[in-house]
């Protein structure tokens, strides 16, 4: 079954969206956003344009006022709408990922660092836990499995230390087997 889904519906702000696709942009952003758009310009596309006040527009369709990226102040922070990286299928080709995917993510993390450096209590909103970049959910699952293995190994080490370390320490200090002291 196929259902239509508004990819912006989870946001706590309202604006109208028109779904179109393209990869030609005009950068309207100032720093720190400008560096992201300039460096990663070959790594993203837009899937919609929306109404945004001109002062909020970061990126627009050339020769128009149609915003494809914008920033909105919200409560004590901001919501930044960025163009999406190319479809995941495009990144299945390792050369494509090496050339474009890594640039997009690297620049996104740099932008996040620049934006969050001015916010002391930066925390992702709860709804962000349901959205993943590329195969992030698969990588997180692998990481959690590795952490589980590490936890089991650490428990085994702790158990052995509790059994053998006291015995070894008593022998090092000239004592005999701890069980022989009970006689």
Protein backbone atom coordinates (compact mmCIF):
# COMPACT_ATOMS: atom_id res chain seq x y z
CA UNK A 1 0.00 0.00 0.00
CA UNK A 2 1.31 3.45 -0.91
CA UNK A 3 0.38 6.47 1.17
CA UNK A 4 1.21 10.09 0.59
CA UNK A 5 3.39 11.54 3.34
CA UNK A 6 4.31 15.15 3.99
CA UNK A 7 7.96 14.94 5.01
CA UNK A 8 7.65 18.20 6.94
CA UNK A 9 4.55 17.26 8.95
CA UNK A 10 6.53 16.32 12.07
CA UNK A 11 7.89 19.85 12.49
CA UNK A 12 6.37 22.10 15.18
CA UNK A 13 6.08 25.01 12.72
CA UNK A 14 3.65 25.47 9.86
CA UNK A 15 4.34 26.52 6.30
CA UNK A 16 3.06 25.60 2.86
CA UNK A 17 5.07 23.20 0.74
CA UNK A 18 5.14 22.62 -3.01
CA UNK A 19 6.84 19.39 -4.05
CA UNK A 20 9.26 19.82 -6.93
CA UNK A 21 12.71 18.42 -7.61
CA UNK A 22 15.87 20.15 -8.70
CA UNK A 23 19.53 20.82 -8.02
CA UNK A 24 20.07 24.40 -9.19
CA UNK A 25 20.40 26.85 -6.29
CA UNK A 26 21.10 30.42 -5.41
CA UNK A 27 22.81 30.83 -2.04
CA UNK A 28 21.25 33.59 0.09
CA UNK A 29 22.82 32.46 3.35
CA UNK A 30 25.40 34.22 5.45
CA UNK A 31 27.84 32.48 7.77
CA UNK A 32 27.87 29.85 9.16
CA UNK A 33 25.41 28.41 6.60
CA UNK A 34 27.23 29.83 3.57
CA UNK A 35 30.24 27.52 4.00
CA UNK A 36 28.00 24.45 4.17
CA UNK A 37 26.17 25.34 0.95
CA UNK A 38 29.32 26.39 -0.91
CA UNK A 39 31.40 23.33 -0.02
CA UNK A 40 28.64 20.69 -0.33
CA UNK A 41 26.87 22.21 -3.36
CA UNK A 42 27.27 19.08 -5.52
CA UNK A 43 25.96 16.81 -2.75
CA UNK A 44 22.33 17.82 -2.34
CA UNK A 45 19.07 18.49 -4.15
CA UNK A 46 15.71 19.87 -3.21
CA UNK A 47 12.42 18.02 -3.16
CA UNK A 48 10.22 20.98 -2.33
CA UNK A 49 10.06 24.72 -1.98
CA UNK A 50 8.12 26.50 0.73
CA UNK A 51 7.02 29.87 1.92
CA UNK A 52 9.58 31.47 4.21
CA UNK A 53 10.19 35.09 5.10
CA UNK A 54 13.01 36.48 2.95
CA UNK A 55 15.23 37.07 5.98
CA UNK A 56 14.96 33.35 6.83
CA UNK A 57 15.83 32.03 3.35
CA UNK A 58 19.20 30.32 3.08
CA UNK A 59 18.90 28.83 -0.39
CA UNK A 60 16.41 29.45 -3.17
CA UNK A 61 15.59 28.44 -6.70
CA UNK A 62 17.49 30.85 -9.01
CA UNK A 63 15.62 33.92 -10.29
CA UNK A 64 12.72 33.31 -7.89
CA UNK A 65 11.71 33.81 -4.28
CA UNK A 66 11.08 30.08 -3.74
CA UNK A 67 12.99 28.97 -0.65
CA UNK A 68 14.41 25.45 -0.61
CA UNK A 69 16.33 25.98 2.62
CA UNK A 70 15.54 28.27 5.53
CA UNK A 71 16.08 28.81 9.23
CA UNK A 72 13.23 29.46 11.69
CA UNK A 73 13.61 30.62 15.27
CA UNK A 74 11.69 28.28 17.55
CA UNK A 75 11.44 28.52 21.34
CA UNK A 76 15.04 28.90 22.55
CA UNK A 77 16.63 27.48 19.40
CA UNK A 78 16.14 27.20 15.69
CA UNK A 79 14.85 24.81 13.08
CA UNK A 80 17.04 24.60 9.98
CA UNK A 81 15.55 23.13 6.83
CA UNK A 82 18.32 21.90 4.54
CA UNK A 83 18.12 20.35 1.10
CA UNK A 84 18.35 16.59 1.17
CA UNK A 85 21.41 14.63 0.15
CA UNK A 86 20.87 12.66 -3.02
CA UNK A 87 18.80 9.51 -2.75
CA UNK A 88 20.34 6.59 -0.89
CA UNK A 89 20.47 4.57 -4.12
CA UNK A 90 22.94 7.12 -5.47
CA UNK A 91 25.26 6.37 -2.57
CA UNK A 92 25.27 2.62 -3.20
CA UNK A 93 27.97 3.35 -5.75
CA UNK A 94 31.04 3.66 -3.50
CA UNK A 95 32.69 6.22 -5.80
CA UNK A 96 29.64 8.45 -5.51
CA UNK A 97 29.63 8.10 -1.71
CA UNK A 98 33.36 8.90 -1.55
CA UNK A 99 32.97 11.98 -3.71
CA UNK A 100 29.66 13.47 -2.50
CA UNK A 101 28.22 11.67 0.51
CA UNK A 102 31.18 12.18 2.77
CA UNK A 103 31.38 15.86 1.83
CA UNK A 104 27.71 16.40 2.71
CA UNK A 105 28.00 14.69 6.10
CA UNK A 106 31.33 16.31 6.92
CA UNK A 107 29.99 19.77 6.14
CA UNK A 108 26.75 19.03 8.00
CA UNK A 109 28.71 18.11 11.14
CA UNK A 110 30.84 21.25 10.79
CA UNK A 111 27.69 23.36 10.46
CA UNK A 112 26.20 21.67 13.51
CA UNK A 113 29.36 22.38 15.51
CA UNK A 114 29.28 26.04 14.50
CA UNK A 115 25.59 26.39 15.34
CA UNK A 116 25.70 24.47 18.60
CA UNK A 117 28.83 26.21 19.88
CA UNK A 118 26.62 29.17 20.73
CA UNK A 119 24.10 27.01 22.56
CA UNK A 120 25.24 25.72 25.95
CA UNK A 121 22.54 23.12 26.46
CA UNK A 122 22.29 21.74 22.92
CA UNK A 123 20.15 18.60 22.83
CA UNK A 124 18.44 17.03 19.85
CA UNK A 125 14.67 17.23 20.07
CA UNK A 126 12.86 13.99 20.90
CA UNK A 127 11.31 13.65 17.43
CA UNK A 128 14.79 13.58 15.84
CA UNK A 129 15.34 10.08 17.26
CA UNK A 130 12.98 8.74 14.58
CA UNK A 131 14.96 10.06 11.61
CA UNK A 132 18.27 8.78 10.29
CA UNK A 133 20.79 9.97 7.71
CA UNK A 134 21.52 7.43 4.98
CA UNK A 135 22.21 4.07 6.70
CA UNK A 136 22.74 5.60 10.15
CA UNK A 137 20.13 3.30 11.74
CA UNK A 138 21.97 0.19 10.50
CA UNK A 139 25.31 1.51 11.74
CA UNK A 140 23.81 2.36 15.14
CA UNK A 141 22.42 -1.17 15.39
CA UNK A 142 25.88 -2.62 14.63
CA UNK A 143 27.44 -0.29 17.20
CA UNK A 144 24.93 -1.36 19.86
CA UNK A 145 25.68 -5.05 19.15
CA UNK A 146 29.40 -4.36 19.56
CA UNK A 147 28.72 -2.52 22.83
CA UNK A 148 26.69 -5.53 24.06
CA UNK A 149 29.62 -7.84 23.24
CA UNK A 150 32.01 -5.51 25.06
CA UNK A 151 29.72 -5.44 28.11
CA UNK A 152 29.67 -9.27 28.23
CA UNK A 153 33.46 -9.42 27.93
CA UNK A 154 33.84 -6.84 30.73
CA UNK A 155 31.50 -8.84 32.98
CA UNK A 156 33.62 -11.95 32.33
CA UNK A 157 36.79 -10.05 33.22
CA UNK A 158 35.20 -8.69 36.40
CA UNK A 159 34.04 -12.17 37.41
CA UNK A 160 37.50 -13.68 36.91
CA UNK A 161 39.14 -10.82 38.80
CA UNK A 162 36.85 -11.40 41.76
CA UNK A 163 37.79 -15.09 41.85
CA UNK A 164 41.50 -15.04 41.06
CA UNK A 165 42.83 -11.66 42.17
CA UNK A 166 42.21 -12.19 45.94
CA UNK A 167 43.92 -15.60 45.72
CA UNK A 168 46.90 -14.22 43.82
CA UNK A 169 47.24 -11.26 46.25
CA UNK A 170 47.23 -13.55 49.29
CA UNK A 171 49.99 -15.71 47.74
CA UNK A 172 52.05 -12.62 46.96
CA UNK A 173 51.85 -11.51 50.59
CA UNK A 174 53.13 -14.85 51.88
CA UNK A 175 49.76 -16.25 52.85
CA UNK A 176 48.73 -19.72 51.98
CA UNK A 177 45.58 -20.72 50.16
CA UNK A 178 42.64 -18.76 51.63
CA UNK A 179 40.72 -22.01 52.16
CA UNK A 180 43.53 -23.41 54.35
CA UNK A 181 43.08 -20.51 56.80
CA UNK A 182 39.68 -21.89 57.77
CA UNK A 183 41.23 -24.91 59.56
